[in-house]
PDB file of N, CA and C in Angstrom:
ATOM      1  N   UNK A   1     -11.958  -5.317  -6.876  1.00  0.00           N
ATOM      2  CA  UNK A   1     -11.792  -4.918  -5.422  1.00  0.00           C
ATOM      3  C   UNK A   1     -10.416  -4.943  -5.483  1.00  0.00           C
ATOM      4  N   UNK A   2      -9.217  -5.430  -5.343  1.00  0.00           N
ATOM      5  CA  UNK A   2      -7.720  -5.074  -5.965  1.00  0.00           C
ATOM      6  C   UNK A   2      -7.723  -4.439  -6.763  1.00  0.00           C
ATOM      7  N   UNK A   3      -7.108  -2.671  -6.457  1.00  0.00           N
ATOM      8  CA  UNK A   3      -6.506  -2.567  -7.988  1.00  0.00           C
ATOM      9  C   UNK A   3      -4.889  -2.106  -7.205  1.00  0.00           C
ATOM     10  N   UNK A   4      -3.866  -2.301  -8.025  1.00  0.00           N
ATOM     11  CA  UNK A   4      -2.601  -2.089  -8.177  1.00  0.00           C
ATOM     12  C   UNK A   4      -1.975  -2.905  -7.341  1.00  0.00           C
ATOM     13  N   UNK A   5      -0.293  -2.429  -7.319  1.00  0.00           N
ATOM     14  CA  UNK A   5       0.454  -4.042  -6.514  1.00  0.00           C
ATOM     15  C   UNK A   5       0.567  -3.955  -4.825  1.00  0.00           C
ATOM     16  N   UNK A   6      -0.192  -2.890  -4.511  1.00  0.00           N
ATOM     17  CA  UNK A   6       0.061  -2.656  -3.055  1.00  0.00           C
ATOM     18  C   UNK A   6      -0.854  -3.581  -2.526  1.00  0.00           C
ATOM     19  N   UNK A   7      -2.577  -3.122  -3.283  1.00  0.00           N
ATOM     20  CA  UNK A   7      -3.111  -4.263  -2.927  1.00  0.00           C
ATOM     21  C   UNK A   7      -3.216  -5.647  -2.853  1.00  0.00           C
ATOM     22  N   UNK A   8      -2.562  -5.762  -3.634  1.00  0.00           N
ATOM     23  CA  UNK A   8      -2.053  -7.611  -4.022  1.00  0.00           C
ATOM     24  C   UNK A   8      -1.265  -7.945  -2.677  1.00  0.00           C
ATOM     25  N   UNK A   9      -0.230  -7.005  -2.370  1.00  0.00           N
ATOM     26  CA  UNK A   9       0.862  -7.746  -1.379  1.00  0.00           C
ATOM     27  C   UNK A   9       0.187  -7.097   0.095  1.00  0.00           C
ATOM     28  N   UNK A  10      -0.991  -5.955   0.205  1.00  0.00           N
ATOM     29  CA  UNK A  10      -1.261  -5.954   1.647  1.00  0.00           C
ATOM     30  C   UNK A  10      -2.650  -7.351   1.969  1.00  0.00           C
ATOM     31  N   UNK A  11      -3.196  -7.686   1.150  1.00  0.00           N
ATOM     32  CA  UNK A  11      -3.868  -9.254   0.360  1.00  0.00           C
ATOM     33  C   UNK A  11      -3.192 -10.221   1.392  1.00  0.00           C
ATOM     34  N   UNK A  12      -2.010 -10.494   0.463  1.00  0.00           N
ATOM     35  CA  UNK A  12      -0.694 -11.601   0.823  1.00  0.00           C
ATOM     36  C   UNK A  12      -0.477 -11.511   1.989  1.00  0.00           C
ATOM     37  N   UNK A  13      -0.046 -10.333   2.335  1.00  0.00           N
ATOM     38  CA  UNK A  13      -0.015 -10.484   4.232  1.00  0.00           C
ATOM     39  C   UNK A  13      -0.390 -10.475   4.839  1.00  0.00           C
ATOM     40  N   UNK A  14      -2.193 -10.044   4.865  1.00  0.00           N
ATOM     41  CA  UNK A  14      -3.438 -10.279   5.752  1.00  0.00           C
ATOM     42  C   UNK A  14      -3.283 -11.776   5.712  1.00  0.00           C
ATOM     43  N   UNK A  15      -3.039 -12.556   4.921  1.00  0.00           N
ATOM     44  CA  UNK A  15      -3.706 -14.087   4.607  1.00  0.00           C
ATOM     45  C   UNK A  15      -2.844 -14.529   4.792  1.00  0.00           C
ATOM     46  N   UNK A  16      -1.515 -14.057   5.437  1.00  0.00           N
ATOM     47  CA  UNK A  16       0.046 -14.729   5.769  1.00  0.00           C
ATOM     48  C   UNK A  16      -0.085 -14.617   7.790  1.00  0.00           C
ATOM     49  N   UNK A  17      -0.554 -13.199   7.821  1.00  0.00           N
ATOM     50  CA  UNK A  17      -0.810 -13.306   9.347  1.00  0.00           C
ATOM     51  C   UNK A  17      -1.436 -14.339   9.464  1.00  0.00           C
ATOM     52  N   UNK A  18      -2.913 -14.312   8.739  1.00  0.00           N
ATOM     53  CA  UNK A  18      -4.092 -15.066   9.760  1.00  0.00           C
ATOM     54  C   UNK A  18      -3.453 -16.470   9.411  1.00  0.00           C
ATOM     55  N   UNK A  19      -2.621 -16.999   8.895  1.00  0.00           N
ATOM     56  CA  UNK A  19      -2.114 -18.289   8.818  1.00  0.00           C
ATOM     57  C   UNK A  19      -1.153 -18.522   9.955  1.00  0.00           C
ATOM     58  N   UNK A  20      -0.203 -17.576  10.237  1.00  0.00           N
ATOM     59  CA  UNK A  20       0.765 -17.549  11.785  1.00  0.00           C
ATOM     60  C   UNK A  20      -0.219 -17.723  12.969  1.00  0.00           C
ATOM     61  N   UNK A  21      -1.206 -16.475  12.916  1.00  0.00           N
ATOM     62  CA  UNK A  21      -1.660 -16.530  14.318  1.00  0.00           C
ATOM     63  C   UNK A  21      -2.890 -17.216  14.033  1.00  0.00           C
ATOM     64  N   UNK A  22      -3.302 -18.079  13.405  1.00  0.00           N
ATOM     65  CA  UNK A  22      -3.756 -19.407  12.900  1.00  0.00           C
ATOM     66  C   UNK A  22      -3.691 -20.195  14.148  1.00  0.00           C
ATOM     67  N   UNK A  23      -2.339 -20.576  13.354  1.00  0.00           N
ATOM     68  CA  UNK A  23      -1.045 -21.284  13.892  1.00  0.00           C
ATOM     69  C   UNK A  23      -0.868 -21.318  15.669  1.00  0.00           C
ATOM     70  N   UNK A  24      -0.516 -20.546  15.597  1.00  0.00           N
ATOM     71  CA  UNK A  24       0.070 -19.715  16.814  1.00  0.00           C
ATOM     72  C   UNK A  24      -1.531 -19.788  17.959  1.00  0.00           C
ATOM     73  N   UNK A  25      -2.517 -19.697  17.802  1.00  0.00           N
ATOM     74  CA  UNK A  25      -3.583 -19.706  18.486  1.00  0.00           C
ATOM     75  C   UNK A  25      -4.530 -20.710  19.141  1.00  0.00           C
ATOM     76  N   UNK A  26      -3.965 -21.663  17.931  1.00  0.00           N
ATOM     77  CA  UNK A  26      -4.582 -23.355  18.328  1.00  0.00           C
ATOM     78  C   UNK A  26      -3.689 -24.101  18.871  1.00  0.00           C
ATOM     79  N   UNK A  27      -1.714 -24.011  18.801  1.00  0.00           N
ATOM     80  CA  UNK A  27      -1.073 -24.548  18.603  1.00  0.00           C
ATOM     81  C   UNK A  27      -1.436 -24.682  20.753  1.00  0.00           C
ATOM     82  N   UNK A  28      -1.904 -24.490  21.367  1.00  0.00           N
ATOM     83  CA  UNK A  28      -1.715 -23.815  22.644  1.00  0.00           C
ATOM     84  C   UNK A  28      -0.471 -23.723  23.714  1.00  0.00           C
ATOM     85  N   UNK A  29       0.310 -23.418  22.805  1.00  0.00           N
ATOM     86  CA  UNK A  29       1.757 -22.494  23.429  1.00  0.00           C
ATOM     87  C   UNK A  29       1.912 -21.687  23.807  1.00  0.00           C
ATOM     88  N   UNK A  30       2.392 -21.373  24.865  1.00  0.00           N
ATOM     89  CA  UNK A  30       2.717 -19.559  25.436  1.00  0.00           C
ATOM     90  C   UNK A  30       3.145 -18.812  25.022  1.00  0.00           C
ATOM     91  N   UNK A  31       3.038 -17.459  24.948  1.00  0.00           N
ATOM     92  CA  UNK A  31       4.114 -16.473  24.118  1.00  0.00           C
ATOM     93  C   UNK A  31       4.323 -16.827  22.333  1.00  0.00           C
ATOM     94  N   UNK A  32       3.146 -17.091  21.504  1.00  0.00           N
ATOM     95  CA  UNK A  32       3.662 -17.377  20.500  1.00  0.00           C
ATOM     96  C   UNK A  32       2.672 -16.232  19.837  1.00  0.00           C
ATOM     97  N   UNK A  33       1.397 -15.728  20.232  1.00  0.00           N
ATOM     98  CA  UNK A  33       0.355 -14.922  19.471  1.00  0.00           C
ATOM     99  C   UNK A  33       0.784 -13.563  19.463  1.00  0.00           C
ATOM    100  N   UNK A  34       0.194 -12.421  18.558  1.00  0.00           N
ATOM    101  CA  UNK A  34       0.765 -11.629  18.221  1.00  0.00           C
ATOM    102  C   UNK A  34       0.189 -10.946  19.683  1.00  0.00           C
ATOM    103  N   UNK A  35      -1.008 -11.229  20.028  1.00  0.00           N
ATOM    104  CA  UNK A  35      -1.063 -10.158  21.974  1.00  0.00           C
ATOM    105  C   UNK A  35      -0.024 -10.833  22.404  1.00  0.00           C
ATOM    106  N   UNK A  36       0.243 -12.146  22.641  1.00  0.00           N
ATOM    107  CA  UNK A  36       0.429 -12.197  23.619  1.00  0.00           C
ATOM    108  C   UNK A  36       2.975 -11.712  23.675  1.00  0.00           C
ATOM    109  N   UNK A  37       2.884 -11.282  22.342  1.00  0.00           N
ATOM    110  CA  UNK A  37       4.468 -10.248  22.251  1.00  0.00           C
ATOM    111  C   UNK A  37       4.128  -9.200  22.586  1.00  0.00           C
ATOM    112  N   UNK A  38       2.604  -8.520  22.228  1.00  0.00           N
ATOM    113  CA  UNK A  38       2.502  -6.989  22.766  1.00  0.00           C
ATOM    114  C   UNK A  38       2.311  -7.236  24.089  1.00  0.00           C
ATOM    115  N   UNK A  39       1.752  -7.700  24.438  1.00  0.00           N
ATOM    116  CA  UNK A  39       1.770  -7.917  26.394  1.00  0.00           C
ATOM    117  C   UNK A  39       3.000  -7.577  27.033  1.00  0.00           C
ATOM    118  N   UNK A  40       4.202  -8.596  26.388  1.00  0.00           N
ATOM    119  CA  UNK A  40       5.737  -8.925  26.888  1.00  0.00           C
ATOM    120  C   UNK A  40       6.194  -7.653  26.329  1.00  0.00           C
ATOM    121  N   UNK A  41       6.226  -7.388  25.065  1.00  0.00           N
ATOM    122  CA  UNK A  41       6.993  -6.342  24.776  1.00  0.00           C
ATOM    123  C   UNK A  41       6.510  -4.504  25.425  1.00  0.00           C
ATOM    124  N   UNK A  42       5.690  -4.680  26.175  1.00  0.00           N
ATOM    125  CA  UNK A  42       4.873  -3.326  26.791  1.00  0.00           C
ATOM    126  C   UNK A  42       4.471  -3.633  27.984  1.00  0.00           C
ATOM    127  N   UNK A  43       5.186  -4.970  28.403  1.00  0.00           N
ATOM    128  CA  UNK A  43       5.101  -4.890  30.087  1.00  0.00           C
ATOM    129  C   UNK A  43       3.766  -5.364  30.725  1.00  0.00           C
ATOM    130  N   UNK A  44       2.470  -5.666  29.431  1.00  0.00           N
ATOM    131  CA  UNK A  44       1.360  -5.142  29.972  1.00  0.00           C
ATOM    132  C   UNK A  44       0.727  -5.937  30.955  1.00  0.00           C
ATOM    133  N   UNK A  45       1.244  -6.908  31.491  1.00  0.00           N
ATOM    134  CA  UNK A  45       1.064  -8.016  32.831  1.00  0.00           C
ATOM    135  C   UNK A  45       2.435  -7.601  34.085  1.00  0.00           C
ATOM    136  N   UNK A  46       2.704  -6.705  34.295  1.00  0.00           N
ATOM    137  CA  UNK A  46       3.497  -6.121  35.153  1.00  0.00           C
ATOM    138  C   UNK A  46       3.652  -4.609  35.344  1.00  0.00           C
ATOM    139  N   UNK A  47       4.043  -4.344  36.646  1.00  0.00           N
ATOM    140  CA  UNK A  47       3.756  -2.979  37.409  1.00  0.00           C
ATOM    141  C   UNK A  47       5.565  -2.539  37.444  1.00  0.00           C
ATOM    142  N   UNK A  48       4.951  -0.894  37.428  1.00  0.00           N
ATOM    143  CA  UNK A  48       6.090  -0.572  37.867  1.00  0.00           C
ATOM    144  C   UNK A  48       6.132   0.830  36.870  1.00  0.00           C
ATOM    145  N   UNK A  49       7.699   2.195  37.217  1.00  0.00           N
ATOM    146  CA  UNK A  49       7.563   2.881  36.604  1.00  0.00           C
ATOM    147  C   UNK A  49       7.775   3.241  35.095  1.00  0.00           C
ATOM    148  N   UNK A  50       8.807   1.667  34.627  1.00  0.00           N
ATOM    149  CA  UNK A  50       9.299   2.344  33.758  1.00  0.00           C
ATOM    150  C   UNK A  50       8.306   1.435  32.716  1.00  0.00           C
ATOM    151  N   UNK A  51       7.169   0.663  33.465  1.00  0.00           N
ATOM    152  CA  UNK A  51       6.437  -0.047  32.575  1.00  0.00           C
ATOM    153  C   UNK A  51       5.133   1.064  32.192  1.00  0.00           C
ATOM    154  N   UNK A  52       4.950   2.231  32.224  1.00  0.00           N
ATOM    155  CA  UNK A  52       4.089   2.560  32.134  1.00  0.00           C
ATOM    156  C   UNK A  52       4.351   3.735  31.316  1.00  0.00           C
ATOM    157  N   UNK A  53       5.383   3.770  31.182  1.00  0.00           N
ATOM    158  CA  UNK A  53       6.068   4.427  29.855  1.00  0.00           C
ATOM    159  C   UNK A  53       5.573   4.025  28.712  1.00  0.00           C
ATOM    160  N   UNK A  54       6.463   2.652  28.899  1.00  0.00           N
ATOM    161  CA  UNK A  54       5.921   1.661  27.487  1.00  0.00           C
ATOM    162  C   UNK A  54       4.557   1.394  27.341  1.00  0.00           C
ATOM    163  N   UNK A  55       3.743   1.615  28.576  1.00  0.00           N
ATOM    164  CA  UNK A  55       2.452   1.657  27.846  1.00  0.00           C
ATOM    165  C   UNK A  55       1.808   2.460  27.610  1.00  0.00           C
ATOM    166  N   UNK A  56       2.575   3.919  27.827  1.00  0.00           N
ATOM    167  CA  UNK A  56       2.250   5.320  27.076  1.00  0.00           C
ATOM    168  C   UNK A  56       2.252   5.643  25.972  1.00  0.00           C
ATOM    169  N   UNK A  57       3.577   4.529  25.012  1.00  0.00           N
ATOM    170  CA  UNK A  57       3.954   5.022  23.990  1.00  0.00           C
ATOM    171  C   UNK A  57       2.801   3.866  22.937  1.00  0.00           C
ATOM    172  N   UNK A  58       2.792   2.743  23.563  1.00  0.00           N
ATOM    173  CA  UNK A  58       1.317   1.723  23.202  1.00  0.00           C
ATOM    174  C   UNK A  58       0.041   2.713  22.811  1.00  0.00           C
ATOM    175  N   UNK A  59      -0.467   3.184  23.655  1.00  0.00           N
ATOM    176  CA  UNK A  59      -1.643   3.891  23.692  1.00  0.00           C
ATOM    177  C   UNK A  59      -1.561   5.031  22.768  1.00  0.00           C
ATOM    178  N   UNK A  60      -0.652   6.077  22.986  1.00  0.00           N
ATOM    179  CA  UNK A  60      -0.641   6.843  21.741  1.00  0.00           C
ATOM    180  C   UNK A  60      -0.483   6.174  20.575  1.00  0.00           C
ATOM    181  N   UNK A  61       0.140   5.052  20.536  1.00  0.00           N
ATOM    182  CA  UNK A  61       0.287   4.860  18.940  1.00  0.00           C
ATOM    183  C   UNK A  61      -1.211   4.112  18.613  1.00  0.00           C
ATOM    184  N   UNK A  62      -1.922   3.572  18.911  1.00  0.00           N
ATOM    185  CA  UNK A  62      -2.979   2.666  19.192  1.00  0.00           C
ATOM    186  C   UNK A  62      -4.049   4.161  18.692  1.00  0.00           C
ATOM    187  N   UNK A  63      -3.978   5.059  19.589  1.00  0.00           N
ATOM    188  CA  UNK A  63      -4.936   6.059  19.275  1.00  0.00           C
ATOM    189  C   UNK A  63      -4.425   6.975  18.118  1.00  0.00           C
ATOM    190  N   UNK A  64      -3.309   7.174  17.238  1.00  0.00           N
ATOM    191  CA  UNK A  64      -3.267   7.555  17.018  1.00  0.00           C
ATOM    192  C   UNK A  64      -3.630   7.229  15.367  1.00  0.00           C
ATOM    193  N   UNK A  65      -3.634   5.521  15.517  1.00  0.00           N
ATOM    194  CA  UNK A  65      -3.786   4.705  14.668  1.00  0.00           C
ATOM    195  C   UNK A  65      -5.355   4.830  13.978  1.00  0.00           C
ATOM    196  N   UNK A  66      -6.281   4.370  15.272  1.00  0.00           N
ATOM    197  CA  UNK A  66      -7.474   4.847  15.058  1.00  0.00           C
ATOM    198  C   UNK A  66      -7.728   6.178  14.346  1.00  0.00           C
ATOM    199  N   UNK A  67      -7.460   6.637  15.479  1.00  0.00           N
ATOM    200  CA  UNK A  67      -7.520   8.215  14.369  1.00  0.00           C
ATOM    201  C   UNK A  67      -7.022   8.448  12.748  1.00  0.00           C
ATOM    202  N   UNK A  68      -6.295   7.729  12.806  1.00  0.00           N
ATOM    203  CA  UNK A  68      -5.746   8.175  11.169  1.00  0.00           C
ATOM    204  C   UNK A  68      -6.458   7.290  10.254  1.00  0.00           C
ATOM    205  N   UNK A  69      -7.109   5.879  11.129  1.00  0.00           N
ATOM    206  CA  UNK A  69      -8.335   5.197  10.277  1.00  0.00           C
ATOM    207  C   UNK A  69      -9.382   5.847   9.966  1.00  0.00           C
ATOM    208  N   UNK A  70      -9.907   6.215  10.876  1.00  0.00           N
ATOM    209  CA  UNK A  70     -11.429   7.019  10.861  1.00  0.00           C
ATOM    210  C   UNK A  70     -11.279   8.589  10.317  1.00  0.00           C
ATOM    211  N   UNK A  71     -10.351   9.054  10.420  1.00  0.00           N
ATOM    212  CA  UNK A  71     -10.451  10.300   9.936  1.00  0.00           C
ATOM    213  C   UNK A  71     -10.010  10.145   8.167  1.00  0.00           C
ATOM    214  N   UNK A  72      -9.582   9.132   7.919  1.00  0.00           N
ATOM    215  CA  UNK A  72      -9.431   8.864   6.481  1.00  0.00           C
ATOM    216  C   UNK A  72      -7.810   9.516   6.370  1.00  0.00           C
ATOM    217  N   UNK A  73      -7.310   9.687   7.482  1.00  0.00           N
ATOM    218  CA  UNK A  73      -5.427  10.094   7.082  1.00  0.00           C
ATOM    219  C   UNK A  73      -5.082  11.234   7.216  1.00  0.00           C
ATOM    220  N   UNK A  74      -6.833  12.268   7.474  1.00  0.00           N
ATOM    221  CA  UNK A  74      -6.216  13.607   7.816  1.00  0.00           C
ATOM    222  C   UNK A  74      -5.560  13.759   9.161  1.00  0.00           C
ATOM    223  N   UNK A  75      -4.849  12.900   9.781  1.00  0.00           N
ATOM    224  CA  UNK A  75      -4.134  12.625  11.109  1.00  0.00           C
ATOM    225  C   UNK A  75      -3.290  11.807  11.072  1.00  0.00           C
TER     226      UNK A  75
END
């Protein structure tokens, strides 16, 4: 299933992320999950002109990421 050094590193990273995010989800503190950090960084829960620039950056990145995965790296 996993071949090569990077596959092992990615699996370890995903496991580490799952532990950190799991602790953050279940401890009920505000501002410690990945979602909450992204919302704060891109001002998802705020309004204003500068906010739309940051949101546009997030949307463009996510659009590229999904397209990159779906096309097998052609984009």
